[in-house]
Amino acid sequence: MDLNDSYQKIFTAMLKSMTGFGKAIVELENKKITIEVKSLNSKQLDLSTRIPGLYKEKELIVRNQVKKALYRGKVDLSIFIESVGKEKDVRINLPIVKEYYNQLKEVCSDCSINEDSMLQTVMRLPDVLKVEYAELDESEWLSINEGVLTALESLKKYREEEGVALEEDITKRIHNIESLSLQVVPFEKKRIEVIKARIHEKLEEIQDVNIDNNRFEQELIYFLEKLDITEEKVRLAQHCKYFIETVESEDMPGKKLGFITQEIGREINTLGSKANDTDIQKLVIQMKDELEKIKEQILNIL
């Protein structure tokens, strides 16, 4: 692998947050278009859009672009228009107004009702205003579509910046777990000696009992093997190493890191249940605390 390949691996394997914000402004001849995209964490892509009626026919294109760019997250995309101009043209439907007016005039005459406010009444009736929407200009849409892509790129950059902080935090906490696991070692030998002494004390308290020393040694070895935590420490170290490798080598490792933390949690829990030592238990509690903070952060990793 040459130097360029190494750099390429570094950049493609960067952690990304699911939290982000992107914005783009498109200046057109008779209007200003603002595109905003926001995202939060979610197990899959959950997309909501606010698109003006004039551009509704392009919503599927926008959705596909978001899906391709962002993959996962609760995403809100909004397109706002200022200085709308001729997007819609409102006209009075004169034939309808005349028909309403003539009918109401007849009613007022028959019922001796004052006609002064009759026009105001007519203007509130259905279909009096006729709205004609302008057709979508394809060249205008191309400019807006470029704005959508720019906003999405801006959000992706935001996610990458957030991802740097996330990677630093979870990597530090995994190393803390590794360090705490190594601190268990000095207490292990002492723990075994304490257990042996405790068993001997209990046996000495029992009167008039013949003990087969060979059988006793076999049972003691079996009991101590059940309390041995070597395998748990080895597997914990392997899981922590795999966690770091995944962070450094995969582009969207969020779900996978979640599975690895489950395995780390199992080893820590087993280590704690077999420890039978207050000093080791304290270290286990600290490891659990670090792991919970890692799990919280992973929820926001793409």
C-alpha atoms as a PDB file:
ATOM      1  CA  MET A   1       0.000   0.000   0.000  1.00  0.00           C
ATOM      2  CA  ASP A   2       1.503   3.341  -1.059  1.00  0.00           C
ATOM      3  CA  LEU A   3       1.186   6.650   0.793  1.00  0.00           C
ATOM      4  CA  ASN A   4      -1.838   7.794  -1.233  1.00  0.00           C
ATOM      5  CA  ASP A   5      -3.695   4.575  -0.372  1.00  0.00           C
ATOM      6  CA  SER A   6      -2.905   5.136   3.296  1.00  0.00           C
ATOM      7  CA  TYR A   7      -4.352   8.625   3.186  1.00  0.00           C
ATOM      8  CA  GLN A   8      -7.407   7.376   1.305  1.00  0.00           C
ATOM      9  CA  LYS A   9      -8.035   4.762   4.020  1.00  0.00           C
ATOM     10  CA  ILE A  10      -7.779   7.400   6.750  1.00  0.00           C
ATOM     11  CA  PHE A  11     -10.314   9.683   5.108  1.00  0.00           C
ATOM     12  CA  THR A  12     -12.850   6.992   4.164  1.00  0.00           C
ATOM     13  CA  ALA A  13     -12.748   5.397   7.611  1.00  0.00           C
ATOM     14  CA  MET A  14     -13.633   8.563   9.508  1.00  0.00           C
ATOM     15  CA  LEU A  15     -16.410   8.268  12.072  1.00  0.00           C
ATOM     16  CA  LYS A  16     -19.497  10.335  11.337  1.00  0.00           C
ATOM     17  CA  SER A  17     -22.177  11.595  13.688  1.00  0.00           C
ATOM     18  CA  MET A  18     -25.854  11.348  12.749  1.00  0.00           C
ATOM     19  CA  THR A  19     -26.396  14.875  14.097  1.00  0.00           C
ATOM     20  CA  GLY A  20     -25.906  17.608  11.523  1.00  0.00           C
ATOM     21  CA  PHE A  21     -27.131  20.771   9.835  1.00  0.00           C
ATOM     22  CA  GLY A  22     -26.709  22.020   6.292  1.00  0.00           C
ATOM     23  CA  LYS A  23     -27.944  25.119   4.494  1.00  0.00           C
ATOM     24  CA  ALA A  24     -27.812  26.570   0.992  1.00  0.00           C
ATOM     25  CA  ILE A  25     -29.244  29.754  -0.550  1.00  0.00           C
ATOM     26  CA  VAL A  26     -30.152  30.007  -4.221  1.00  0.00           C
ATOM     27  CA  GLU A  27     -30.629  33.498  -5.681  1.00  0.00           C
ATOM     28  CA  LEU A  28     -32.926  33.567  -8.709  1.00  0.00           C
ATOM     29  CA  GLU A  29     -34.205  36.461 -10.808  1.00  0.00           C
ATOM     30  CA  ASN A  30     -37.480  36.926  -8.941  1.00  0.00           C
ATOM     31  CA  LYS A  31     -37.054  34.864  -5.783  1.00  0.00           C
ATOM     32  CA  LYS A  32     -34.686  33.696  -3.094  1.00  0.00           C
ATOM     33  CA  ILE A  33     -34.682  29.984  -2.207  1.00  0.00           C
ATOM     34  CA  THR A  34     -33.356  28.769   1.158  1.00  0.00           C
ATOM     35  CA  ILE A  35     -32.741  25.031   1.632  1.00  0.00           C
ATOM     36  CA  GLU A  36     -32.158  23.674   5.146  1.00  0.00           C
ATOM     37  CA  VAL A  37     -31.390  20.072   6.166  1.00  0.00           C
ATOM     38  CA  LYS A  38     -31.264  18.899   9.795  1.00  0.00           C
ATOM     39  CA  SER A  39     -30.543  15.402  11.096  1.00  0.00           C
ATOM     40  CA  LEU A  40     -30.625  13.547  14.412  1.00  0.00           C
ATOM     41  CA  ASN A  41     -29.898   9.927  15.321  1.00  0.00           C
ATOM     42  CA  SER A  42     -32.243   7.138  14.233  1.00  0.00           C
ATOM     43  CA  LYS A  43     -31.960   3.396  13.560  1.00  0.00           C
ATOM     44  CA  GLN A  44     -32.786   3.970   9.889  1.00  0.00           C
ATOM     45  CA  LEU A  45     -33.476   6.865   7.523  1.00  0.00           C
ATOM     46  CA  ASP A  46     -36.570   8.753   8.686  1.00  0.00           C
ATOM     47  CA  LEU A  47     -37.098  11.626   6.248  1.00  0.00           C
ATOM     48  CA  SER A  48     -39.601  14.507   6.491  1.00  0.00           C
ATOM     49  CA  THR A  49     -39.821  17.201   3.791  1.00  0.00           C
ATOM     50  CA  ARG A  50     -41.380  20.660   3.483  1.00  0.00           C
ATOM     51  CA  ILE A  51     -41.450  21.504  -0.215  1.00  0.00           C
ATOM     52  CA  PRO A  52     -43.543  24.311  -1.799  1.00  0.00           C
ATOM     53  CA  GLY A  53     -46.322  23.202  -4.131  1.00  0.00           C
ATOM     54  CA  LEU A  54     -44.507  24.429  -7.224  1.00  0.00           C
ATOM     55  CA  TYR A  55     -41.681  21.902  -6.628  1.00  0.00           C
ATOM     56  CA  LYS A  56     -43.742  18.982  -5.257  1.00  0.00           C
ATOM     57  CA  GLU A  57     -43.330  16.988  -8.470  1.00  0.00           C
ATOM     58  CA  LYS A  58     -39.573  16.815  -7.730  1.00  0.00           C
ATOM     59  CA  GLU A  59     -39.971  15.443  -4.185  1.00  0.00           C
ATOM     60  CA  LEU A  60     -39.021  11.862  -5.164  1.00  0.00           C
ATOM     61  CA  ILE A  61     -35.764  13.129  -6.687  1.00  0.00           C
ATOM     62  CA  VAL A  62     -34.986  15.048  -3.475  1.00  0.00           C
ATOM     63  CA  ARG A  63     -35.755  12.009  -1.319  1.00  0.00           C
ATOM     64  CA  ASN A  64     -33.453   9.782  -3.374  1.00  0.00           C
ATOM     65  CA  GLN A  65     -30.642  12.329  -3.086  1.00  0.00           C
ATOM     66  CA  VAL A  66     -31.056  12.474   0.705  1.00  0.00           C
ATOM     67  CA  LYS A  67     -31.092   8.679   0.935  1.00  0.00           C
ATOM     68  CA  LYS A  68     -27.921   8.396  -1.142  1.00  0.00           C
ATOM     69  CA  ALA A  69     -26.079  11.104   0.823  1.00  0.00           C
ATOM     70  CA  LEU A  70     -27.084  10.465   4.440  1.00  0.00           C
ATOM     71  CA  TYR A  71     -27.964   6.736   4.766  1.00  0.00           C
ATOM     72  CA  ARG A  72     -29.359   6.937   8.314  1.00  0.00           C
ATOM     73  CA  GLY A  73     -30.838   9.483  10.707  1.00  0.00           C
ATOM     74  CA  LYS A  74     -34.023  11.425  11.410  1.00  0.00           C
ATOM     75  CA  VAL A  75     -33.784  14.024   8.637  1.00  0.00           C
ATOM     76  CA  ASP A  76     -35.868  17.161   8.085  1.00  0.00           C
ATOM     77  CA  LEU A  77     -35.467  18.950   4.733  1.00  0.00           C
ATOM     78  CA  SER A  78     -37.182  22.288   4.120  1.00  0.00           C
ATOM     79  CA  ILE A  79     -37.297  24.584   1.083  1.00  0.00           C
ATOM     80  CA  PHE A  80     -38.357  28.188   1.755  1.00  0.00           C
ATOM     81  CA  ILE A  81     -39.230  30.815  -0.864  1.00  0.00           C
ATOM     82  CA  GLU A  82     -38.906  34.596  -0.481  1.00  0.00           C
ATOM     83  CA  SER A  83     -40.185  37.150  -3.038  1.00  0.00           C
ATOM     84  CA  VAL A  84     -42.370  34.557  -4.688  1.00  0.00           C
ATOM     85  CA  GLY A  85     -43.287  36.705  -7.680  1.00  0.00           C
ATOM     86  CA  LYS A  86     -45.399  34.771 -10.148  1.00  0.00           C
ATOM     87  CA  GLU A  87     -45.410  31.381  -8.447  1.00  0.00           C
ATOM     88  CA  LYS A  88     -49.173  31.805  -8.126  1.00  0.00           C
ATOM     89  CA  ASP A  89     -51.556  34.331  -9.664  1.00  0.00           C
ATOM     90  CA  VAL A  90     -54.750  35.140  -7.704  1.00  0.00           C
ATOM     91  CA  ARG A  91     -57.694  36.489  -9.719  1.00  0.00           C
ATOM     92  CA  ILE A  92     -61.322  37.255  -8.896  1.00  0.00           C
ATOM     93  CA  ASN A  93     -63.667  34.807 -10.593  1.00  0.00           C
ATOM     94  CA  LEU A  94     -65.937  37.502 -12.035  1.00  0.00           C
ATOM     95  CA  PRO A  95     -68.771  35.288 -13.375  1.00  0.00           C
ATOM     96  CA  ILE A  96     -69.116  33.578  -9.990  1.00  0.00           C
ATOM     97  CA  VAL A  97     -69.097  36.939  -8.153  1.00  0.00           C
ATOM     98  CA  LYS A  98     -71.853  38.330 -10.413  1.00  0.00           C
ATOM     99  CA  GLU A  99     -73.981  35.231  -9.943  1.00  0.00           C
ATOM    100  CA  TYR A 100     -73.619  35.358  -6.132  1.00  0.00           C
ATOM    101  CA  TYR A 101     -74.326  39.109  -6.146  1.00  0.00           C
ATOM    102  CA  ASN A 102     -77.495  38.859  -8.243  1.00  0.00           C
ATOM    103  CA  GLN A 103     -78.897  36.048  -6.147  1.00  0.00           C
ATOM    104  CA  LEU A 104     -78.160  37.800  -2.857  1.00  0.00           C
ATOM    105  CA  LYS A 105     -79.615  41.053  -4.198  1.00  0.00           C
ATOM    106  CA  GLU A 106     -82.827  39.233  -4.961  1.00  0.00           C
ATOM    107  CA  VAL A 107     -82.882  37.703  -1.485  1.00  0.00           C
ATOM    108  CA  CYS A 108     -82.256  41.083   0.159  1.00  0.00           C
ATOM    109  CA  SER A 109     -85.060  42.653  -1.906  1.00  0.00           C
ATOM    110  CA  ASP A 110     -87.554  39.953  -1.005  1.00  0.00           C
ATOM    111  CA  CYS A 111     -86.646  40.072   2.698  1.00  0.00           C
ATOM    112  CA  SER A 112     -86.176  43.853   2.960  1.00  0.00           C
ATOM    113  CA  ILE A 113     -82.524  43.437   4.005  1.00  0.00           C
ATOM    114  CA  ASN A 114     -79.960  46.238   3.708  1.00  0.00           C
ATOM    115  CA  GLU A 115     -77.596  45.595   0.756  1.00  0.00           C
ATOM    116  CA  ASP A 116     -74.647  47.667   2.067  1.00  0.00           C
ATOM    117  CA  SER A 117     -72.445  44.735   3.173  1.00  0.00           C
ATOM    118  CA  MET A 118     -73.498  42.389   0.393  1.00  0.00           C
ATOM    119  CA  LEU A 119     -70.178  42.570  -1.535  1.00  0.00           C
ATOM    120  CA  GLN A 120     -68.211  41.648   1.592  1.00  0.00           C
ATOM    121  CA  THR A 121     -70.482  38.633   2.009  1.00  0.00           C
ATOM    122  CA  VAL A 122     -70.005  37.622  -1.628  1.00  0.00           C
ATOM    123  CA  MET A 123     -66.190  37.744  -1.348  1.00  0.00           C
ATOM    124  CA  ARG A 124     -66.263  35.173   1.468  1.00  0.00           C
ATOM    125  CA  LEU A 125     -68.182  32.598  -0.573  1.00  0.00           C
ATOM    126  CA  PRO A 126     -66.516  29.551  -2.220  1.00  0.00           C
ATOM    127  CA  ASP A 127     -64.716  29.803  -5.572  1.00  0.00           C
ATOM    128  CA  VAL A 128     -64.782  33.622  -5.647  1.00  0.00           C
ATOM    129  CA  LEU A 129     -60.972  33.704  -5.880  1.00  0.00           C
ATOM    130  CA  LYS A 130     -59.308  31.758  -8.673  1.00  0.00           C
ATOM    131  CA  VAL A 131     -55.653  30.721  -8.068  1.00  0.00           C
ATOM    132  CA  GLU A 132     -53.513  29.915 -11.071  1.00  0.00           C
ATOM    133  CA  TYR A 133     -50.096  28.393 -10.326  1.00  0.00           C
ATOM    134  CA  ALA A 134     -47.105  29.076 -12.518  1.00  0.00           C
ATOM    135  CA  GLU A 135     -45.500  26.106 -14.225  1.00  0.00           C
ATOM    136  CA  LEU A 136     -42.146  24.858 -12.975  1.00  0.00           C
ATOM    137  CA  ASP A 137     -39.213  26.137 -14.993  1.00  0.00           C
ATOM    138  CA  GLU A 138     -36.689  23.302 -15.461  1.00  0.00           C
ATOM    139  CA  SER A 139     -33.690  25.640 -15.495  1.00  0.00           C
ATOM    140  CA  GLU A 140     -34.919  27.093 -12.202  1.00  0.00           C
ATOM    141  CA  TRP A 141     -35.249  23.590 -10.763  1.00  0.00           C
ATOM    142  CA  LEU A 142     -31.688  22.726 -11.795  1.00  0.00           C
ATOM    143  CA  SER A 143     -30.446  25.670  -9.719  1.00  0.00           C
ATOM    144  CA  ILE A 144     -32.563  24.592  -6.756  1.00  0.00           C
ATOM    145  CA  ASN A 145     -31.400  21.001  -7.121  1.00  0.00           C
ATOM    146  CA  GLU A 146     -27.790  22.183  -6.948  1.00  0.00           C
ATOM    147  CA  GLY A 147     -28.742  24.001  -3.752  1.00  0.00           C
ATOM    148  CA  VAL A 148     -30.152  20.784  -2.290  1.00  0.00           C
ATOM    149  CA  LEU A 149     -26.901  18.954  -3.068  1.00  0.00           C
ATOM    150  CA  THR A 150     -24.878  21.813  -1.527  1.00  0.00           C
ATOM    151  CA  ALA A 151     -26.968  21.693   1.672  1.00  0.00           C
ATOM    152  CA  LEU A 152     -26.493  17.920   1.882  1.00  0.00           C
ATOM    153  CA  GLU A 153     -22.721  18.264   1.459  1.00  0.00           C
ATOM    154  CA  SER A 154     -22.702  20.914   4.175  1.00  0.00           C
ATOM    155  CA  LEU A 155     -24.553  18.567   6.518  1.00  0.00           C
ATOM    156  CA  LYS A 156     -22.161  15.705   5.728  1.00  0.00           C
ATOM    157  CA  LYS A 157     -19.209  17.956   6.610  1.00  0.00           C
ATOM    158  CA  TYR A 158     -20.926  18.864   9.889  1.00  0.00           C
ATOM    159  CA  ARG A 159     -21.375  15.140  10.620  1.00  0.00           C
ATOM    160  CA  GLU A 160     -17.694  14.494   9.978  1.00  0.00           C
ATOM    161  CA  GLU A 161     -16.649  17.282  12.344  1.00  0.00           C
ATOM    162  CA  GLU A 162     -18.929  15.889  15.045  1.00  0.00           C
ATOM    163  CA  GLY A 163     -17.551  12.425  14.301  1.00  0.00           C
ATOM    164  CA  VAL A 164     -14.004  13.528  15.152  1.00  0.00           C
ATOM    165  CA  ALA A 165     -15.101  14.423  18.692  1.00  0.00           C
ATOM    166  CA  LEU A 166     -17.090  11.186  19.019  1.00  0.00           C
ATOM    167  CA  GLU A 167     -14.138   9.073  17.885  1.00  0.00           C
ATOM    168  CA  GLU A 168     -11.794  10.772  20.332  1.00  0.00           C
ATOM    169  CA  ASP A 169     -14.204  10.206  23.223  1.00  0.00           C
ATOM    170  CA  ILE A 170     -15.085   6.549  22.654  1.00  0.00           C
ATOM    171  CA  THR A 171     -11.476   5.610  21.824  1.00  0.00           C
ATOM    172  CA  LYS A 172     -10.303   7.205  25.067  1.00  0.00           C
ATOM    173  CA  ARG A 173     -12.948   5.300  27.048  1.00  0.00           C
ATOM    174  CA  ILE A 174     -12.056   1.954  25.450  1.00  0.00           C
ATOM    175  CA  HIS A 175      -8.417   2.539  26.419  1.00  0.00           C
ATOM    176  CA  ASN A 176      -9.632   3.336  29.949  1.00  0.00           C
ATOM    177  CA  ILE A 177     -11.369  -0.061  30.076  1.00  0.00           C
ATOM    178  CA  GLU A 178      -8.169  -1.766  28.887  1.00  0.00           C
ATOM    179  CA  SER A 179      -6.193   0.064  31.569  1.00  0.00           C
ATOM    180  CA  LEU A 180      -8.684  -0.880  34.299  1.00  0.00           C
ATOM    181  CA  SER A 181      -8.530  -4.517  33.185  1.00  0.00           C
ATOM    182  CA  LEU A 182      -4.746  -4.511  33.625  1.00  0.00           C
ATOM    183  CA  GLN A 183      -5.176  -3.086  37.127  1.00  0.00           C
ATOM    184  CA  VAL A 184      -7.044  -6.277  38.071  1.00  0.00           C
ATOM    185  CA  VAL A 185      -3.839  -8.368  37.827  1.00  0.00           C
ATOM    186  CA  PRO A 186      -2.208  -7.360  41.164  1.00  0.00           C
ATOM    187  CA  PHE A 187      -5.353  -8.340  43.075  1.00  0.00           C
ATOM    188  CA  GLU A 188      -5.733 -11.791  41.496  1.00  0.00           C
ATOM    189  CA  LYS A 189      -3.041 -13.672  43.402  1.00  0.00           C
ATOM    190  CA  LYS A 190      -4.064 -12.086  46.693  1.00  0.00           C
ATOM    191  CA  ARG A 191      -7.680 -13.031  45.973  1.00  0.00           C
ATOM    192  CA  ILE A 192      -6.820 -16.737  45.539  1.00  0.00           C
ATOM    193  CA  GLU A 193      -4.804 -16.810  48.761  1.00  0.00           C
ATOM    194  CA  VAL A 194      -7.656 -15.179  50.669  1.00  0.00           C
ATOM    195  CA  ILE A 195     -10.133 -17.744  49.343  1.00  0.00           C
ATOM    196  CA  LYS A 196      -7.850 -20.663  50.303  1.00  0.00           C
ATOM    197  CA  ALA A 197      -7.342 -19.269  53.817  1.00  0.00           C
ATOM    198  CA  ARG A 198     -11.087 -18.763  54.246  1.00  0.00           C
ATOM    199  CA  ILE A 199     -11.820 -22.391  53.289  1.00  0.00           C
ATOM    200  CA  HIS A 200      -9.171 -23.731  55.671  1.00  0.00           C
ATOM    201  CA  GLU A 201     -10.600 -21.644  58.518  1.00  0.00           C
ATOM    202  CA  LYS A 202     -14.064 -23.054  57.919  1.00  0.00           C
ATOM    203  CA  LEU A 203     -12.758 -26.601  57.851  1.00  0.00           C
ATOM    204  CA  GLU A 204     -10.861 -26.120  61.144  1.00  0.00           C
ATOM    205  CA  GLU A 205     -14.093 -25.042  62.774  1.00  0.00           C
ATOM    206  CA  ILE A 206     -15.622 -28.431  61.988  1.00  0.00           C
ATOM    207  CA  GLN A 207     -14.879 -30.959  64.748  1.00  0.00           C
ATOM    208  CA  ASP A 208     -14.237 -34.718  64.398  1.00  0.00           C
ATOM    209  CA  VAL A 209     -14.239 -34.767  60.598  1.00  0.00           C
ATOM    210  CA  ASN A 210     -11.759 -36.842  58.616  1.00  0.00           C
ATOM    211  CA  ILE A 211     -10.633 -35.067  55.451  1.00  0.00           C
ATOM    212  CA  ASP A 212      -9.146 -36.775  52.415  1.00  0.00           C
ATOM    213  CA  ASN A 213      -6.413 -34.288  51.556  1.00  0.00           C
ATOM    214  CA  ASN A 214      -6.079 -35.498  47.952  1.00  0.00           C
ATOM    215  CA  ARG A 215      -9.786 -35.168  47.342  1.00  0.00           C
ATOM    216  CA  PHE A 216      -9.774 -31.817  49.103  1.00  0.00           C
ATOM    217  CA  GLU A 217      -7.014 -30.521  46.833  1.00  0.00           C
ATOM    218  CA  GLN A 218      -8.933 -31.706  43.749  1.00  0.00           C
ATOM    219  CA  GLU A 219     -12.115 -29.995  44.860  1.00  0.00           C
ATOM    220  CA  LEU A 220     -10.226 -26.823  45.767  1.00  0.00           C
ATOM    221  CA  ILE A 221      -8.563 -26.714  42.340  1.00  0.00           C
ATOM    222  CA  TYR A 222     -11.962 -27.219  40.661  1.00  0.00           C
ATOM    223  CA  PHE A 223     -13.498 -24.440  42.768  1.00  0.00           C
ATOM    224  CA  LEU A 224     -10.656 -22.017  42.047  1.00  0.00           C
ATOM    225  CA  GLU A 225     -10.842 -22.800  38.316  1.00  0.00           C
ATOM    226  CA  LYS A 226     -14.483 -21.722  38.364  1.00  0.00           C
ATOM    227  CA  LEU A 227     -13.367 -18.404  39.871  1.00  0.00           C
ATOM    228  CA  ASP A 228     -10.500 -17.936  37.404  1.00  0.00           C
ATOM    229  CA  ILE A 229     -10.953 -14.772  35.323  1.00  0.00           C
ATOM    230  CA  THR A 230      -8.084 -15.232  32.859  1.00  0.00           C
ATOM    231  CA  GLU A 231     -10.361 -16.088  29.921  1.00  0.00           C
ATOM    232  CA  GLU A 232     -12.606 -13.104  30.613  1.00  0.00           C
ATOM    233  CA  LYS A 233      -9.621 -10.754  30.641  1.00  0.00           C
ATOM    234  CA  VAL A 234      -8.261 -12.210  27.408  1.00  0.00           C
ATOM    235  CA  ARG A 235     -11.620 -11.957  25.622  1.00  0.00           C
ATOM    236  CA  LEU A 236     -12.161  -8.449  26.990  1.00  0.00           C
ATOM    237  CA  ALA A 237      -8.790  -7.357  25.590  1.00  0.00           C
ATOM    238  CA  GLN A 238      -9.653  -8.927  22.213  1.00  0.00           C
ATOM    239  CA  HIS A 239     -13.044  -7.187  22.064  1.00  0.00           C
ATOM    240  CA  CYS A 240     -11.458  -3.824  22.928  1.00  0.00           C
ATOM    241  CA  LYS A 241      -8.845  -4.298  20.216  1.00  0.00           C
ATOM    242  CA  TYR A 242     -11.553  -5.232  17.688  1.00  0.00           C
ATOM    243  CA  PHE A 243     -13.538  -2.131  18.713  1.00  0.00           C
ATOM    244  CA  ILE A 244     -10.569   0.159  17.938  1.00  0.00           C
ATOM    245  CA  GLU A 245      -9.883  -1.643  14.642  1.00  0.00           C
ATOM    246  CA  THR A 246     -13.512  -1.191  13.595  1.00  0.00           C
ATOM    247  CA  VAL A 247     -13.448   2.519  14.447  1.00  0.00           C
ATOM    248  CA  GLU A 248     -10.302   3.004  12.384  1.00  0.00           C
ATOM    249  CA  SER A 249     -11.196   0.874   9.364  1.00  0.00           C
ATOM    250  CA  GLU A 250     -14.949   1.138   8.678  1.00  0.00           C
ATOM    251  CA  ASP A 251     -16.870   4.063   7.223  1.00  0.00           C
ATOM    252  CA  MET A 252     -20.228   3.549   8.981  1.00  0.00           C
ATOM    253  CA  PRO A 253     -19.529   1.291  11.975  1.00  0.00           C
ATOM    254  CA  GLY A 254     -22.286   2.495  14.342  1.00  0.00           C
ATOM    255  CA  LYS A 255     -24.370  -0.701  14.409  1.00  0.00           C
ATOM    256  CA  LYS A 256     -21.306  -2.961  14.494  1.00  0.00           C
ATOM    257  CA  LEU A 257     -19.798  -1.034  17.395  1.00  0.00           C
ATOM    258  CA  GLY A 258     -23.081  -1.535  19.230  1.00  0.00           C
ATOM    259  CA  PHE A 259     -22.714  -5.315  18.883  1.00  0.00           C
ATOM    260  CA  ILE A 260     -19.083  -5.211  20.039  1.00  0.00           C
ATOM    261  CA  THR A 261     -20.015  -3.219  23.158  1.00  0.00           C
ATOM    262  CA  GLN A 262     -22.555  -5.936  24.005  1.00  0.00           C
ATOM    263  CA  GLU A 263     -19.732  -8.509  23.984  1.00  0.00           C
ATOM    264  CA  ILE A 264     -17.511  -6.212  26.059  1.00  0.00           C
ATOM    265  CA  GLY A 265     -20.355  -5.852  28.555  1.00  0.00           C
ATOM    266  CA  ARG A 266     -20.745  -9.625  28.870  1.00  0.00           C
ATOM    267  CA  GLU A 267     -17.071 -10.098  29.726  1.00  0.00           C
ATOM    268  CA  ILE A 268     -17.115  -7.258  32.258  1.00  0.00           C
ATOM    269  CA  ASN A 269     -20.245  -8.667  33.921  1.00  0.00           C
ATOM    270  CA  THR A 270     -18.771 -12.183  34.098  1.00  0.00           C
ATOM    271  CA  LEU A 271     -15.517 -10.814  35.483  1.00  0.00           C
ATOM    272  CA  GLY A 272     -17.484  -9.005  38.178  1.00  0.00           C
ATOM    273  CA  SER A 273     -19.599 -12.043  39.126  1.00  0.00           C
ATOM    274  CA  LYS A 274     -16.487 -14.264  39.441  1.00  0.00           C
ATOM    275  CA  ALA A 275     -14.232 -11.685  41.105  1.00  0.00           C
ATOM    276  CA  ASN A 276     -15.154 -12.353  44.745  1.00  0.00           C
ATOM    277  CA  ASP A 277     -12.946  -9.408  45.708  1.00  0.00           C
ATOM    278  CA  THR A 278     -13.891  -5.842  46.647  1.00  0.00           C
ATOM    279  CA  ASP A 279     -10.891  -4.248  44.912  1.00  0.00           C
ATOM    280  CA  ILE A 280     -11.666  -6.019  41.648  1.00  0.00           C
ATOM    281  CA  GLN A 281     -15.351  -5.141  41.996  1.00  0.00           C
ATOM    282  CA  LYS A 282     -14.447  -1.450  42.214  1.00  0.00           C
ATOM    283  CA  LEU A 283     -12.509  -1.733  38.957  1.00  0.00           C
ATOM    284  CA  VAL A 284     -15.438  -3.568  37.350  1.00  0.00           C
ATOM    285  CA  ILE A 285     -17.812  -0.763  38.345  1.00  0.00           C
ATOM    286  CA  GLN A 286     -15.490   1.792  36.727  1.00  0.00           C
ATOM    287  CA  MET A 287     -15.362  -0.317  33.549  1.00  0.00           C
ATOM    288  CA  LYS A 288     -19.161  -0.493  33.457  1.00  0.00           C
ATOM    289  CA  ASP A 289     -19.375   3.275  33.839  1.00  0.00           C
ATOM    290  CA  GLU A 290     -17.018   3.819  30.900  1.00  0.00           C
ATOM    291  CA  LEU A 291     -18.943   1.290  28.801  1.00  0.00           C
ATOM    292  CA  GLU A 292     -22.303   2.971  29.442  1.00  0.00           C
ATOM    293  CA  LYS A 293     -20.887   6.293  28.268  1.00  0.00           C
ATOM    294  CA  ILE A 294     -19.574   4.584  25.129  1.00  0.00           C
ATOM    295  CA  LYS A 295     -23.022   3.085  24.450  1.00  0.00           C
ATOM    296  CA  GLU A 296     -24.630   6.528  24.730  1.00  0.00           C
ATOM    297  CA  GLN A 297     -22.192   7.952  22.184  1.00  0.00           C
ATOM    298  CA  ILE A 298     -22.578   5.032  19.771  1.00  0.00           C
ATOM    299  CA  LEU A 299     -26.304   5.778  19.440  1.00  0.00           C
ATOM    300  CA  ASN A 300     -25.286   8.895  17.505  1.00  0.00           C
ATOM    301  CA  ILE A 301     -22.656   7.259  15.266  1.00  0.00           C
ATOM    302  CA  LEU A 302     -23.529   6.588  11.632  1.00  0.00           C
END
